[in-house]
C-alpha atoms as a PDB file:
ATOM      1  CA  MET A   1      24.903 -59.099  88.001  1.00  0.00           C
ATOM      2  CA  ARG A   2      26.957 -56.156  86.753  1.00  0.00           C
ATOM      3  CA  VAL A   3      25.321 -52.811  86.104  1.00  0.00           C
ATOM      4  CA  VAL A   4      26.402 -49.286  85.247  1.00  0.00           C
ATOM      5  CA  LYS A   5      25.373 -46.937  88.045  1.00  0.00           C
ATOM      6  CA  ILE A   6      25.167 -43.165  88.229  1.00  0.00           C
ATOM      7  CA  GLU A   7      27.002 -42.057  91.360  1.00  0.00           C
ATOM      8  CA  GLY A   8      26.632 -38.315  91.793  1.00  0.00           C
ATOM      9  CA  ARG A   9      25.872 -35.688  89.179  1.00  0.00           C
ATOM     10  CA  GLY A  10      28.070 -34.702  86.288  1.00  0.00           C
ATOM     11  CA  GLY A  11      29.356 -36.046  83.008  1.00  0.00           C
ATOM     12  CA  PRO A  12      30.567 -39.523  82.035  1.00  0.00           C
ATOM     13  CA  GLU A  13      32.868 -39.584  85.091  1.00  0.00           C
ATOM     14  CA  VAL A  14      29.877 -40.347  87.394  1.00  0.00           C
ATOM     15  CA  LEU A  15      29.280 -43.727  85.710  1.00  0.00           C
ATOM     16  CA  GLN A  16      30.595 -46.726  87.641  1.00  0.00           C
ATOM     17  CA  LEU A  17      30.493 -50.500  87.121  1.00  0.00           C
ATOM     18  CA  ARG A  18      28.845 -52.084  90.156  1.00  0.00           C
ATOM     19  CA  GLU A  19      27.085 -55.258  91.314  1.00  0.00           C
ATOM     20  CA  ALA A  20      23.293 -55.326  91.796  1.00  0.00           C
ATOM     21  CA  PRO A  21      20.616 -57.935  92.592  1.00  0.00           C
ATOM     22  CA  GLU A  22      19.136 -59.799  89.643  1.00  0.00           C
ATOM     23  CA  PRO A  23      15.595 -58.650  88.722  1.00  0.00           C
ATOM     24  CA  VAL A  24      12.586 -60.961  88.964  1.00  0.00           C
ATOM     25  CA  PRO A  25      10.016 -60.990  86.136  1.00  0.00           C
ATOM     26  CA  GLY A  26       6.318 -60.539  86.851  1.00  0.00           C
ATOM     27  CA  PRO A  27       3.581 -62.753  85.367  1.00  0.00           C
ATOM     28  CA  GLU A  28       3.549 -60.894  82.016  1.00  0.00           C
ATOM     29  CA  GLU A  29       7.251 -60.077  81.887  1.00  0.00           C
ATOM     30  CA  VAL A  30      10.364 -61.729  80.522  1.00  0.00           C
ATOM     31  CA  LEU A  31      13.784 -61.767  82.141  1.00  0.00           C
ATOM     32  CA  VAL A  32      16.336 -60.772  79.502  1.00  0.00           C
ATOM     33  CA  LYS A  33      20.065 -61.421  79.502  1.00  0.00           C
ATOM     34  CA  VAL A  34      21.373 -58.223  77.938  1.00  0.00           C
ATOM     35  CA  HIS A  35      24.085 -58.757  75.356  1.00  0.00           C
ATOM     36  CA  ALA A  36      24.276 -55.166  74.138  1.00  0.00           C
ATOM     37  CA  SER A  37      22.753 -51.730  74.544  1.00  0.00           C
ATOM     38  CA  ALA A  38      23.299 -48.308  72.995  1.00  0.00           C
ATOM     39  CA  VAL A  39      23.961 -44.824  74.337  1.00  0.00           C
ATOM     40  CA  ASN A  40      21.388 -42.030  74.048  1.00  0.00           C
ATOM     41  CA  ARG A  41      21.345 -38.343  74.916  1.00  0.00           C
ATOM     42  CA  ALA A  42      18.937 -39.141  77.725  1.00  0.00           C
ATOM     43  CA  ASP A  43      21.675 -41.149  79.456  1.00  0.00           C
ATOM     44  CA  LEU A  44      23.979 -38.133  79.561  1.00  0.00           C
ATOM     45  CA  LEU A  45      21.151 -35.852  80.714  1.00  0.00           C
ATOM     46  CA  GLN A  46      20.289 -38.336  83.462  1.00  0.00           C
ATOM     47  CA  CYS A  47      23.915 -38.260  84.643  1.00  0.00           C
ATOM     48  CA  MET A  48      23.640 -34.477  84.855  1.00  0.00           C
ATOM     49  CA  GLY A  49      20.429 -34.667  86.892  1.00  0.00           C
ATOM     50  CA  LEU A  50      18.404 -33.080  84.081  1.00  0.00           C
ATOM     51  CA  TYR A  51      16.298 -36.067  82.982  1.00  0.00           C
ATOM     52  CA  PRO A  52      15.156 -38.225  85.899  1.00  0.00           C
ATOM     53  CA  ALA A  53      13.944 -41.756  85.247  1.00  0.00           C
ATOM     54  CA  PRO A  54      10.166 -42.353  85.129  1.00  0.00           C
ATOM     55  CA  ARG A  55       8.429 -43.866  88.144  1.00  0.00           C
ATOM     56  CA  GLY A  56       9.076 -47.586  88.510  1.00  0.00           C
ATOM     57  CA  VAL A  57      12.390 -47.454  86.632  1.00  0.00           C
ATOM     58  CA  PRO A  58      15.807 -47.691  88.358  1.00  0.00           C
ATOM     59  CA  ALA A  59      16.780 -44.116  89.164  1.00  0.00           C
ATOM     60  CA  ASP A  60      20.533 -44.751  89.063  1.00  0.00           C
ATOM     61  CA  ILE A  61      20.910 -47.217  86.166  1.00  0.00           C
ATOM     62  CA  PRO A  62      20.673 -45.575  82.713  1.00  0.00           C
ATOM     63  CA  GLY A  63      20.067 -47.273  79.391  1.00  0.00           C
ATOM     64  CA  LEU A  64      17.026 -46.981  77.117  1.00  0.00           C
ATOM     65  CA  GLU A  65      17.419 -49.938  74.758  1.00  0.00           C
ATOM     66  CA  TYR A  66      18.728 -53.476  74.733  1.00  0.00           C
ATOM     67  CA  ALA A  67      19.307 -56.627  72.733  1.00  0.00           C
ATOM     68  CA  GLY A  68      19.709 -60.071  74.259  1.00  0.00           C
ATOM     69  CA  GLU A  69      17.970 -63.337  74.946  1.00  0.00           C
ATOM     70  CA  VAL A  70      15.156 -64.461  77.207  1.00  0.00           C
ATOM     71  CA  LEU A  71      16.337 -66.241  80.357  1.00  0.00           C
ATOM     72  CA  ALA A  72      12.931 -66.799  81.967  1.00  0.00           C
ATOM     73  CA  ALA A  73       9.281 -65.985  81.318  1.00  0.00           C
ATOM     74  CA  GLY A  74       6.456 -65.100  83.685  1.00  0.00           C
ATOM     75  CA  SER A  75       3.506 -67.427  84.214  1.00  0.00           C
ATOM     76  CA  ARG A  76       1.230 -65.595  81.741  1.00  0.00           C
ATOM     77  CA  VAL A  77       3.794 -64.977  79.002  1.00  0.00           C
ATOM     78  CA  THR A  78       2.860 -66.476  75.626  1.00  0.00           C
ATOM     79  CA  ARG A  79       5.007 -64.581  73.066  1.00  0.00           C
ATOM     80  CA  HIS A  80       8.496 -65.540  74.199  1.00  0.00           C
ATOM     81  CA  ARG A  81      10.293 -68.549  75.607  1.00  0.00           C
ATOM     82  CA  PRO A  82      13.751 -68.964  77.200  1.00  0.00           C
ATOM     83  CA  GLY A  83      16.414 -68.777  74.515  1.00  0.00           C
ATOM     84  CA  ASP A  84      14.471 -66.418  72.242  1.00  0.00           C
ATOM     85  CA  LYS A  85      16.402 -63.411  70.960  1.00  0.00           C
ATOM     86  CA  VAL A  86      14.701 -60.115  71.745  1.00  0.00           C
ATOM     87  CA  MET A  87      15.292 -56.378  71.621  1.00  0.00           C
ATOM     88  CA  GLY A  88      13.355 -53.372  72.807  1.00  0.00           C
ATOM     89  CA  VAL A  89      13.205 -49.990  74.495  1.00  0.00           C
ATOM     90  CA  ALA A  90      13.167 -49.419  78.241  1.00  0.00           C
ATOM     91  CA  GLY A  91      12.374 -46.486  80.504  1.00  0.00           C
ATOM     92  CA  GLY A  92      15.845 -47.031  81.974  1.00  0.00           C
ATOM     93  CA  GLY A  93      17.932 -49.788  83.511  1.00  0.00           C
ATOM     94  CA  ALA A  94      19.251 -51.247  80.243  1.00  0.00           C
ATOM     95  CA  PHE A  95      22.889 -50.711  81.242  1.00  0.00           C
ATOM     96  CA  ALA A  96      22.727 -53.980  83.143  1.00  0.00           C
ATOM     97  CA  GLU A  97      23.462 -57.620  82.450  1.00  0.00           C
ATOM     98  CA  GLN A  98      19.789 -58.440  83.044  1.00  0.00           C
ATOM     99  CA  LEU A  99      16.491 -56.596  82.899  1.00  0.00           C
ATOM    100  CA  VAL A 100      12.770 -57.340  82.867  1.00  0.00           C
ATOM    101  CA  ALA A 101      10.395 -56.204  80.124  1.00  0.00           C
ATOM    102  CA  HIS A 102       6.719 -56.673  79.366  1.00  0.00           C
ATOM    103  CA  GLU A 103       6.419 -59.502  76.860  1.00  0.00           C
ATOM    104  CA  ARG A 104       4.641 -57.297  74.297  1.00  0.00           C
ATOM    105  CA  GLU A 105       7.314 -54.586  74.456  1.00  0.00           C
ATOM    106  CA  ALA A 106      10.064 -57.048  73.547  1.00  0.00           C
ATOM    107  CA  VAL A 107      10.301 -57.855  69.833  1.00  0.00           C
ATOM    108  CA  ALA A 108      12.396 -60.220  67.769  1.00  0.00           C
ATOM    109  CA  PRO A 109      15.440 -58.672  66.052  1.00  0.00           C
ATOM    110  CA  PRO A 110      15.858 -58.887  62.277  1.00  0.00           C
ATOM    111  CA  PRO A 111      17.003 -62.341  61.146  1.00  0.00           C
ATOM    112  CA  GLY A 112      20.773 -62.620  61.188  1.00  0.00           C
ATOM    113  CA  ALA A 113      21.329 -59.387  63.122  1.00  0.00           C
ATOM    114  CA  SER A 114      24.192 -59.437  65.623  1.00  0.00           C
ATOM    115  CA  ALA A 115      23.619 -58.270  69.194  1.00  0.00           C
ATOM    116  CA  ALA A 116      25.334 -54.963  68.402  1.00  0.00           C
ATOM    117  CA  GLU A 117      23.181 -54.414  65.319  1.00  0.00           C
ATOM    118  CA  ALA A 118      19.990 -55.263  67.209  1.00  0.00           C
ATOM    119  CA  ALA A 119      20.919 -52.909  70.056  1.00  0.00           C
ATOM    120  CA  ALA A 120      21.273 -50.043  67.568  1.00  0.00           C
ATOM    121  CA  ILE A 121      17.691 -50.402  66.353  1.00  0.00           C
ATOM    122  CA  PRO A 122      15.013 -49.909  69.056  1.00  0.00           C
ATOM    123  CA  GLU A 123      15.281 -46.328  70.308  1.00  0.00           C
ATOM    124  CA  ALA A 124      16.116 -44.882  66.873  1.00  0.00           C
ATOM    125  CA  PHE A 125      13.594 -46.761  64.769  1.00  0.00           C
ATOM    126  CA  PHE A 126      10.779 -46.870  67.352  1.00  0.00           C
ATOM    127  CA  THR A 127      11.075 -43.103  67.838  1.00  0.00           C
ATOM    128  CA  ALA A 128      11.189 -42.331  64.111  1.00  0.00           C
ATOM    129  CA  LEU A 129       8.324 -44.714  63.353  1.00  0.00           C
ATOM    130  CA  ASP A 130       6.139 -43.235  66.086  1.00  0.00           C
ATOM    131  CA  ALA A 131       6.846 -39.630  65.114  1.00  0.00           C
ATOM    132  CA  LEU A 132       6.749 -39.925  61.309  1.00  0.00           C
ATOM    133  CA  LEU A 133       4.171 -42.606  60.588  1.00  0.00           C
ATOM    134  CA  MET A 134       1.999 -43.004  63.682  1.00  0.00           C
ATOM    135  CA  GLN A 135       1.653 -39.332  64.624  1.00  0.00           C
ATOM    136  CA  ALA A 136       2.584 -37.196  61.597  1.00  0.00           C
ATOM    137  CA  ASP A 137       1.074 -39.639  59.086  1.00  0.00           C
ATOM    138  CA  LEU A 138       3.883 -39.177  56.570  1.00  0.00           C
ATOM    139  CA  ARG A 139       2.703 -40.298  53.122  1.00  0.00           C
ATOM    140  CA  PRO A 140       4.433 -41.363  49.897  1.00  0.00           C
ATOM    141  CA  GLY A 141       5.293 -38.381  47.739  1.00  0.00           C
ATOM    142  CA  GLU A 142       5.568 -35.961  50.657  1.00  0.00           C
ATOM    143  CA  ALA A 143       8.751 -34.160  51.672  1.00  0.00           C
ATOM    144  CA  VAL A 144      10.143 -34.587  55.187  1.00  0.00           C
ATOM    145  CA  LEU A 145      12.808 -32.373  56.740  1.00  0.00           C
ATOM    146  CA  VAL A 146      15.003 -34.330  59.170  1.00  0.00           C
ATOM    147  CA  HIS A 147      17.198 -32.248  61.458  1.00  0.00           C
ATOM    148  CA  ALA A 148      20.394 -33.814  62.863  1.00  0.00           C
ATOM    149  CA  ALA A 149      20.052 -36.447  60.186  1.00  0.00           C
ATOM    150  CA  GLY A 150      23.334 -38.115  61.149  1.00  0.00           C
ATOM    151  CA  SER A 151      22.061 -39.007  64.625  1.00  0.00           C
ATOM    152  CA  GLY A 152      20.593 -42.393  65.507  1.00  0.00           C
ATOM    153  CA  VAL A 153      17.006 -41.178  65.131  1.00  0.00           C
ATOM    154  CA  GLY A 154      17.977 -39.131  62.081  1.00  0.00           C
ATOM    155  CA  THR A 155      19.516 -42.044  60.187  1.00  0.00           C
ATOM    156  CA  ALA A 156      16.442 -44.142  60.986  1.00  0.00           C
ATOM    157  CA  ALA A 157      14.057 -41.388  59.847  1.00  0.00           C
ATOM    158  CA  VAL A 158      15.859 -40.900  56.537  1.00  0.00           C
ATOM    159  CA  GLN A 159      15.637 -44.619  55.793  1.00  0.00           C
ATOM    160  CA  ILE A 160      11.966 -44.890  56.764  1.00  0.00           C
ATOM    161  CA  ALA A 161      11.051 -41.899  54.595  1.00  0.00           C
ATOM    162  CA  SER A 162      12.896 -43.342  51.620  1.00  0.00           C
ATOM    163  CA  ALA A 163      11.386 -46.800  52.139  1.00  0.00           C
ATOM    164  CA  ILE A 164       7.798 -45.509  51.970  1.00  0.00           C
ATOM    165  CA  GLY A 165       8.417 -43.262  48.965  1.00  0.00           C
ATOM    166  CA  ALA A 166       8.739 -39.895  50.703  1.00  0.00           C
ATOM    167  CA  THR A 167      11.502 -37.401  49.911  1.00  0.00           C
ATOM    168  CA  ALA A 168      13.984 -36.997  52.764  1.00  0.00           C
ATOM    169  CA  ILE A 169      15.771 -33.663  53.174  1.00  0.00           C
ATOM    170  CA  GLY A 170      18.391 -33.846  55.915  1.00  0.00           C
ATOM    171  CA  THR A 171      20.405 -31.274  57.802  1.00  0.00           C
ATOM    172  CA  SER A 172      23.762 -31.684  59.484  1.00  0.00           C
ATOM    173  CA  ARG A 173      26.647 -29.526  60.640  1.00  0.00           C
ATOM    174  CA  THR A 174      29.102 -31.300  58.350  1.00  0.00           C
ATOM    175  CA  GLU A 175      29.237 -32.121  54.650  1.00  0.00           C
ATOM    176  CA  ALA A 176      30.875 -35.448  55.491  1.00  0.00           C
ATOM    177  CA  LYS A 177      27.773 -36.683  57.304  1.00  0.00           C
ATOM    178  CA  LEU A 178      25.513 -35.449  54.512  1.00  0.00           C
ATOM    179  CA  ALA A 179      27.571 -37.422  51.990  1.00  0.00           C
ATOM    180  CA  ARG A 180      27.105 -40.620  54.003  1.00  0.00           C
ATOM    181  CA  LEU A 181      23.364 -40.017  54.348  1.00  0.00           C
ATOM    182  CA  GLY A 182      22.918 -40.239  50.592  1.00  0.00           C
ATOM    183  CA  ALA A 183      23.630 -43.957  50.802  1.00  0.00           C
ATOM    184  CA  LEU A 184      20.731 -44.303  53.264  1.00  0.00           C
ATOM    185  CA  GLY A 185      18.220 -42.786  50.863  1.00  0.00           C
ATOM    186  CA  MET A 186      18.407 -39.085  51.659  1.00  0.00           C
ATOM    187  CA  ALA A 187      17.466 -37.091  48.566  1.00  0.00           C
ATOM    188  CA  HIS A 188      18.914 -33.697  49.557  1.00  0.00           C
ATOM    189  CA  GLY A 189      21.303 -32.505  52.243  1.00  0.00           C
ATOM    190  CA  ILE A 190      21.711 -29.066  53.771  1.00  0.00           C
ATOM    191  CA  ALA A 191      24.730 -28.115  55.879  1.00  0.00           C
ATOM    192  CA  ILE A 192      23.770 -25.849  58.776  1.00  0.00           C
ATOM    193  CA  ALA A 193      26.511 -24.174  60.773  1.00  0.00           C
ATOM    194  CA  GLY A 194      27.232 -20.897  62.509  1.00  0.00           C
ATOM    195  CA  LYS A 195      25.296 -18.948  65.090  1.00  0.00           C
ATOM    196  CA  GLU A 196      22.304 -18.190  62.871  1.00  0.00           C
ATOM    197  CA  PRO A 197      21.995 -20.960  60.259  1.00  0.00           C
ATOM    198  CA  ARG A 198      19.546 -20.390  57.431  1.00  0.00           C
ATOM    199  CA  PHE A 199      17.950 -23.296  55.607  1.00  0.00           C
ATOM    200  CA  ALA A 200      14.247 -22.472  55.081  1.00  0.00           C
ATOM    201  CA  GLU A 201      14.786 -20.892  51.663  1.00  0.00           C
ATOM    202  CA  ARG A 202      16.743 -23.927  50.470  1.00  0.00           C
ATOM    203  CA  VAL A 203      14.015 -26.298  51.693  1.00  0.00           C
ATOM    204  CA  ARG A 204      11.409 -24.307  49.756  1.00  0.00           C
ATOM    205  CA  GLU A 205      13.601 -24.413  46.647  1.00  0.00           C
ATOM    206  CA  LEU A 206      13.836 -28.191  46.903  1.00  0.00           C
ATOM    207  CA  THR A 207      10.060 -28.535  47.285  1.00  0.00           C
ATOM    208  CA  SER A 208       8.929 -26.227  44.468  1.00  0.00           C
ATOM    209  CA  GLY A 209       8.197 -23.444  46.937  1.00  0.00           C
ATOM    210  CA  ARG A 210       5.915 -25.528  49.157  1.00  0.00           C
ATOM    211  CA  GLY A 211       8.142 -26.359  52.111  1.00  0.00           C
ATOM    212  CA  ALA A 212       8.398 -29.617  54.055  1.00  0.00           C
ATOM    213  CA  ASP A 213       5.121 -31.466  54.615  1.00  0.00           C
ATOM    214  CA  VAL A 214       6.564 -33.110  57.741  1.00  0.00           C
ATOM    215  CA  VAL A 215       9.469 -32.061  59.971  1.00  0.00           C
ATOM    216  CA  LEU A 216      11.315 -34.299  62.406  1.00  0.00           C
ATOM    217  CA  ASP A 217      13.002 -31.760  64.667  1.00  0.00           C
ATOM    218  CA  LEU A 218      15.742 -32.918  67.028  1.00  0.00           C
ATOM    219  CA  LEU A 219      17.071 -29.385  67.484  1.00  0.00           C
ATOM    220  CA  GLY A 220      14.349 -27.029  68.745  1.00  0.00           C
ATOM    221  CA  GLY A 221      15.703 -23.988  70.584  1.00  0.00           C
ATOM    222  CA  ARG A 222      16.902 -21.020  68.565  1.00  0.00           C
ATOM    223  CA  LEU A 223      16.334 -22.842  65.255  1.00  0.00           C
ATOM    224  CA  LEU A 224      12.615 -23.383  65.775  1.00  0.00           C
ATOM    225  CA  GLU A 225      11.500 -20.210  63.988  1.00  0.00           C
ATOM    226  CA  GLU A 226      13.625 -20.991  60.917  1.00  0.00           C
ATOM    227  CA  THR A 227      12.246 -24.542  60.953  1.00  0.00           C
ATOM    228  CA  LEU A 228       8.679 -23.219  60.990  1.00  0.00           C
ATOM    229  CA  ALA A 229       9.567 -21.055  57.999  1.00  0.00           C
ATOM    230  CA  ALA A 230      10.688 -24.214  56.179  1.00  0.00           C
ATOM    231  CA  THR A 231       7.395 -26.003  56.887  1.00  0.00           C
ATOM    232  CA  ALA A 232       4.636 -26.236  54.305  1.00  0.00           C
ATOM    233  CA  GLU A 233       1.113 -24.950  54.745  1.00  0.00           C
ATOM    234  CA  ARG A 234      -0.758 -27.470  56.916  1.00  0.00           C
ATOM    235  CA  GLY A 235       2.581 -29.120  57.642  1.00  0.00           C
ATOM    236  CA  ARG A 236       3.110 -31.418  60.615  1.00  0.00           C
ATOM    237  CA  MET A 237       6.121 -30.675  62.774  1.00  0.00           C
ATOM    238  CA  MET A 238       7.280 -33.272  65.324  1.00  0.00           C
ATOM    239  CA  LEU A 239       9.582 -31.965  68.060  1.00  0.00           C
ATOM    240  CA  VAL A 240      11.540 -34.917  69.457  1.00  0.00           C
ATOM    241  CA  GLY A 241      14.791 -33.319  70.635  1.00  0.00           C
ATOM    242  CA  LEU A 242      16.252 -30.101  71.988  1.00  0.00           C
ATOM    243  CA  LEU A 243      19.884 -30.129  70.907  1.00  0.00           C
ATOM    244  CA  ALA A 244      19.732 -26.385  70.144  1.00  0.00           C
ATOM    245  CA  GLY A 245      18.131 -25.469  73.468  1.00  0.00           C
ATOM    246  CA  VAL A 246      14.899 -25.636  75.456  1.00  0.00           C
ATOM    247  CA  HIS A 247      13.724 -22.084  74.792  1.00  0.00           C
ATOM    248  CA  ALA A 248      12.589 -20.548  71.505  1.00  0.00           C
ATOM    249  CA  GLU A 249      11.068 -17.300  70.287  1.00  0.00           C
ATOM    250  CA  VAL A 250       8.689 -17.817  67.375  1.00  0.00           C
ATOM    251  CA  SER A 251       6.025 -15.933  65.492  1.00  0.00           C
ATOM    252  CA  LEU A 252       2.689 -17.475  66.404  1.00  0.00           C
ATOM    253  CA  GLY A 253       1.316 -15.839  63.282  1.00  0.00           C
ATOM    254  CA  THR A 254       3.233 -18.400  61.213  1.00  0.00           C
ATOM    255  CA  LEU A 255       1.473 -21.236  63.023  1.00  0.00           C
ATOM    256  CA  LEU A 256      -1.927 -19.590  62.561  1.00  0.00           C
ATOM    257  CA  THR A 257      -1.773 -18.439  58.973  1.00  0.00           C
ATOM    258  CA  ARG A 258      -0.050 -21.559  57.637  1.00  0.00           C
ATOM    259  CA  ARG A 259      -2.065 -23.880  59.893  1.00  0.00           C
ATOM    260  CA  ILE A 260       1.041 -25.768  61.019  1.00  0.00           C
ATOM    261  CA  ARG A 261       0.620 -28.512  63.590  1.00  0.00           C
ATOM    262  CA  LEU A 262       3.456 -28.519  66.141  1.00  0.00           C
ATOM    263  CA  THR A 263       3.590 -31.632  68.338  1.00  0.00           C
ATOM    264  CA  GLY A 264       6.060 -32.411  71.091  1.00  0.00           C
ATOM    265  CA  THR A 265       6.660 -36.081  71.743  1.00  0.00           C
ATOM    266  CA  VAL A 266       8.785 -38.403  73.883  1.00  0.00           C
ATOM    267  CA  LEU A 267       8.785 -42.178  74.146  1.00  0.00           C
ATOM    268  CA  ARG A 268      10.468 -42.855  77.472  1.00  0.00           C
ATOM    269  CA  SER A 269       7.793 -41.679  79.904  1.00  0.00           C
ATOM    270  CA  ARG A 270       4.693 -42.743  78.009  1.00  0.00           C
ATOM    271  CA  PRO A 271       2.227 -45.329  79.373  1.00  0.00           C
ATOM    272  CA  LEU A 272       2.927 -49.014  78.844  1.00  0.00           C
ATOM    273  CA  GLU A 273      -0.005 -49.348  76.457  1.00  0.00           C
ATOM    274  CA  GLU A 274       1.421 -46.703  74.120  1.00  0.00           C
ATOM    275  CA  LYS A 275       4.883 -48.270  74.163  1.00  0.00           C
ATOM    276  CA  ILE A 276       3.366 -51.647  73.326  1.00  0.00           C
ATOM    277  CA  ALA A 277       1.495 -50.061  70.401  1.00  0.00           C
ATOM    278  CA  VAL A 278       4.762 -48.694  69.006  1.00  0.00           C
ATOM    279  CA  ALA A 279       6.519 -52.051  69.431  1.00  0.00           C
ATOM    280  CA  GLN A 280       3.692 -53.875  67.650  1.00  0.00           C
ATOM    281  CA  ALA A 281       3.671 -51.313  64.827  1.00  0.00           C
ATOM    282  CA  PHE A 282       7.419 -51.855  64.439  1.00  0.00           C
ATOM    283  CA  GLU A 283       6.861 -55.598  64.056  1.00  0.00           C
ATOM    284  CA  ARG A 284       4.171 -55.099  61.413  1.00  0.00           C
ATOM    285  CA  GLN A 285       5.573 -52.187  59.429  1.00  0.00           C
ATOM    286  CA  LEU A 286       9.347 -52.041  59.778  1.00  0.00           C
ATOM    287  CA  LEU A 287      10.705 -55.454  60.744  1.00  0.00           C
ATOM    288  CA  PRO A 288       9.944 -56.967  57.300  1.00  0.00           C
ATOM    289  CA  LEU A 289      11.850 -54.070  55.669  1.00  0.00           C
ATOM    290  CA  PHE A 290      15.038 -55.038  57.521  1.00  0.00           C
ATOM    291  CA  GLY A 291      14.788 -58.514  56.050  1.00  0.00           C
ATOM    292  CA  ARG A 292      14.447 -57.055  52.552  1.00  0.00           C
ATOM    293  CA  GLY A 293      17.425 -54.746  52.978  1.00  0.00           C
ATOM    294  CA  LYS A 294      15.323 -51.556  52.922  1.00  0.00           C
ATOM    295  CA  LEU A 295      16.345 -50.627  56.466  1.00  0.00           C
ATOM    296  CA  ARG A 296      19.516 -51.236  58.449  1.00  0.00           C
ATOM    297  CA  PRO A 297      20.977 -50.165  61.790  1.00  0.00           C
ATOM    298  CA  VAL A 298      23.738 -47.582  61.584  1.00  0.00           C
ATOM    299  CA  ILE A 299      26.557 -48.071  64.116  1.00  0.00           C
ATOM    300  CA  ASP A 300      29.076 -45.326  64.756  1.00  0.00           C
ATOM    301  CA  SER A 301      31.214 -47.372  67.144  1.00  0.00           C
ATOM    302  CA  ALA A 302      30.997 -50.380  69.453  1.00  0.00           C
ATOM    303  CA  LEU A 303      32.704 -50.570  72.840  1.00  0.00           C
ATOM    304  CA  PRO A 304      32.608 -52.898  75.855  1.00  0.00           C
ATOM    305  CA  PHE A 305      30.601 -51.743  78.861  1.00  0.00           C
ATOM    306  CA  GLU A 306      33.888 -51.379  80.720  1.00  0.00           C
ATOM    307  CA  LYS A 307      34.411 -48.310  78.494  1.00  0.00           C
ATOM    308  CA  VAL A 308      30.978 -46.791  79.097  1.00  0.00           C
ATOM    309  CA  ARG A 309      32.484 -43.423  80.021  1.00  0.00           C
ATOM    310  CA  GLU A 310      34.336 -43.298  76.711  1.00  0.00           C
ATOM    311  CA  ALA A 311      31.119 -44.232  74.875  1.00  0.00           C
ATOM    312  CA  VAL A 312      29.089 -41.454  76.518  1.00  0.00           C
ATOM    313  CA  GLN A 313      31.892 -38.986  75.857  1.00  0.00           C
ATOM    314  CA  ARG A 314      31.901 -40.061  72.214  1.00  0.00           C
ATOM    315  CA  LEU A 315      28.184 -39.324  71.939  1.00  0.00           C
ATOM    316  CA  SER A 316      28.490 -35.933  73.637  1.00  0.00           C
ATOM    317  CA  SER A 317      31.176 -34.877  71.137  1.00  0.00           C
ATOM    318  CA  ASN A 318      28.512 -34.513  68.406  1.00  0.00           C
ATOM    319  CA  GLU A 319      30.883 -36.245  65.982  1.00  0.00           C
ATOM    320  CA  THR A 320      28.945 -39.506  65.822  1.00  0.00           C
ATOM    321  CA  PHE A 321      27.142 -40.920  62.801  1.00  0.00           C
ATOM    322  CA  GLY A 322      24.499 -43.369  63.959  1.00  0.00           C
ATOM    323  CA  LYS A 323      24.576 -45.215  67.269  1.00  0.00           C
ATOM    324  CA  VAL A 324      27.282 -45.800  69.868  1.00  0.00           C
ATOM    325  CA  VAL A 325      26.820 -49.387  71.050  1.00  0.00           C
ATOM    326  CA  LEU A 326      27.927 -51.053  74.298  1.00  0.00           C
ATOM    327  CA  ALA A 327      28.341 -54.804  74.766  1.00  0.00           C
ATOM    328  CA  TRP A 328      28.976 -56.957  77.830  1.00  0.00           C
ATOM    329  CA  SER A 329      32.190 -58.959  77.828  1.00  0.00           C
ATOM    330  CA  GLN A 330      32.742 -62.047  79.978  1.00  0.00           C
ATOM    331  CA  PRO A 331      33.354 -61.170  83.657  1.00  0.00           C
END
């Protein structure tokens, strides 16, 4: 089978199309023929040697999500049969024509979704669901601040917030992205640019002085203190990305006096049981909303795997809106 391998350390130039042995599913696993995947920041960081794959995952084959069909099922599999369409997240190895996944991690795509549309869903919507609903317990009527709202996770978070009756306030570096986010249910947009962007005062204005009840922070770094200032008393802040850097200087007094809960979270390296819980929650809570038109995947661009370098470069440009999708063409 064909795979995309990381050969060396660097940028997109280290990605190469190669041949690799086909994987063999275990008793509770399914063998999936991958039709499409999508690019994530973790793939670029892995190329650079900054985000190694978890134990048990191919160290040199990136890819965190997939959409395809089941080719074979292990002896104890009961949820899926050969020919079933599935999608899901992976710890790595999804940039391949085949992969194996635990049967309870793989979920059915929304009815009528193409392979490209299905591939744009798992990492973005699983991450946003886990952070906003399962951990932060976002409720109807609350305000949620979504940083980098034009990203894959950001576009998913805005839609989820709107679907449950919360008020989504999104940030982006460009007005053009903010304008597009309105169609996804975002109530208010704030453009943040420059070396020292300020947005906390505007968030408080939009929330009658209270601040955001929940924050989905994909930025971190030097913007963390301003984000804390935009958070309501007893607010819940979920740190899921570090686009603005890995180091921050903050006033711990703000955390103490306003009783803010700051939680860091990742999905990739978590135990199988936790990943299964997220997948099952997606099936129960979000999958029906796709069928009713409340949620939809947002695709920035779709390219063949032969252009994987171009796809990763596109993502690293920070000009994307939604997901960059890769699909396998016929060999």
